[in-house]
Amino acid sequence: MNKIDIENMSNNEKSALISKLDYEITKAVLNGHKSVMDDEFQEHRDIILKLRQELFPNSVWALGTKQY
């Protein structure tokens, strides 16, 4: 994935990026991909977590753990 300059993005652009990266992961899983740490989508997950922590600091989305 190309380097993404998230520091200069608006909050709307950051939210859109979360959706785009999340969609790419979901699409791959629906096509049989098994998500594991350090797979080709790890950078996506890292970016998503960073942006969620920034945009939604009080949300369970920002915790980076599964909620049961």
Protein backbone atom coordinates (compact mmCIF):
# COMPACT_ATOMS: atom_id res chain seq x y z
CA MET A 1 0.00 0.00 0.00
CA ASN A 2 1.25 3.50 -0.80
CA LYS A 3 2.24 5.74 2.08
CA ILE A 4 -0.82 7.67 3.27
CA ASP A 5 -0.36 11.16 4.71
CA ILE A 6 -3.08 11.05 7.35
CA GLU A 7 -1.69 14.08 9.19
CA ASN A 8 -2.95 16.44 6.48
CA MET A 9 -6.38 14.85 6.05
CA SER A 10 -9.63 16.36 7.25
CA ASN A 11 -11.73 14.37 9.71
CA ASN A 12 -14.13 13.52 6.86
CA GLU A 13 -11.26 12.18 4.77
CA LYS A 14 -10.02 10.14 7.73
CA SER A 15 -13.50 8.67 8.26
CA ALA A 16 -13.72 7.83 4.57
CA LEU A 17 -10.31 6.13 4.73
CA ILE A 18 -11.44 4.00 7.69
CA SER A 19 -14.45 2.88 5.64
CA LYS A 20 -12.35 2.17 2.53
CA LEU A 21 -9.72 0.11 4.35
CA ASP A 22 -12.35 -1.72 6.39
CA TYR A 23 -14.21 -2.55 3.17
CA GLU A 24 -11.05 -3.93 1.54
CA ILE A 25 -10.46 -6.23 4.53
CA THR A 26 -14.11 -7.33 4.64
CA LYS A 27 -14.14 -8.02 0.89
CA ALA A 28 -11.04 -10.20 1.22
CA VAL A 29 -12.53 -12.13 4.15
CA LEU A 30 -15.75 -12.72 2.22
CA ASN A 31 -13.58 -14.12 -0.59
CA GLY A 32 -11.88 -16.59 1.75
CA HIS A 33 -9.01 -14.63 3.29
CA LYS A 34 -8.17 -15.66 6.85
CA SER A 35 -7.12 -12.59 8.83
CA VAL A 36 -4.06 -13.14 10.98
CA MET A 37 -1.49 -10.81 12.52
CA ASP A 38 1.13 -9.59 10.04
CA ASP A 39 -0.83 -10.59 6.94
CA GLU A 40 -1.11 -8.28 3.93
CA PHE A 41 -3.84 -6.27 5.68
CA GLN A 42 -1.87 -5.54 8.87
CA GLU A 43 -1.03 -2.03 7.68
CA HIS A 44 -4.75 -1.45 7.00
CA ARG A 45 -5.62 -2.55 10.55
CA ASP A 46 -2.87 -0.36 12.04
CA ILE A 47 -4.10 2.71 10.16
CA ILE A 48 -7.73 1.99 11.04
CA LEU A 49 -6.87 1.67 14.73
CA LYS A 50 -4.82 4.88 14.74
CA LEU A 51 -7.59 6.84 13.04
CA ARG A 52 -10.32 5.41 15.27
CA GLN A 53 -8.29 6.33 18.36
CA GLU A 54 -7.94 9.87 17.04
CA LEU A 55 -11.50 10.38 15.80
CA PHE A 56 -13.43 8.31 18.36
CA PRO A 57 -11.30 8.27 21.55
CA ASN A 58 -14.18 7.26 23.86
CA SER A 59 -15.51 4.49 21.63
CA VAL A 60 -14.88 0.76 21.94
CA TRP A 61 -13.67 1.05 18.33
CA ALA A 62 -10.60 2.85 19.64
CA LEU A 63 -9.61 0.13 22.09
CA GLY A 64 -8.10 -2.17 19.48
CA THR A 65 -9.54 -5.26 21.16
CA LYS A 66 -12.61 -7.36 20.56
CA GLN A 67 -15.51 -6.62 22.85
CA TYR A 68 -17.60 -9.54 24.12
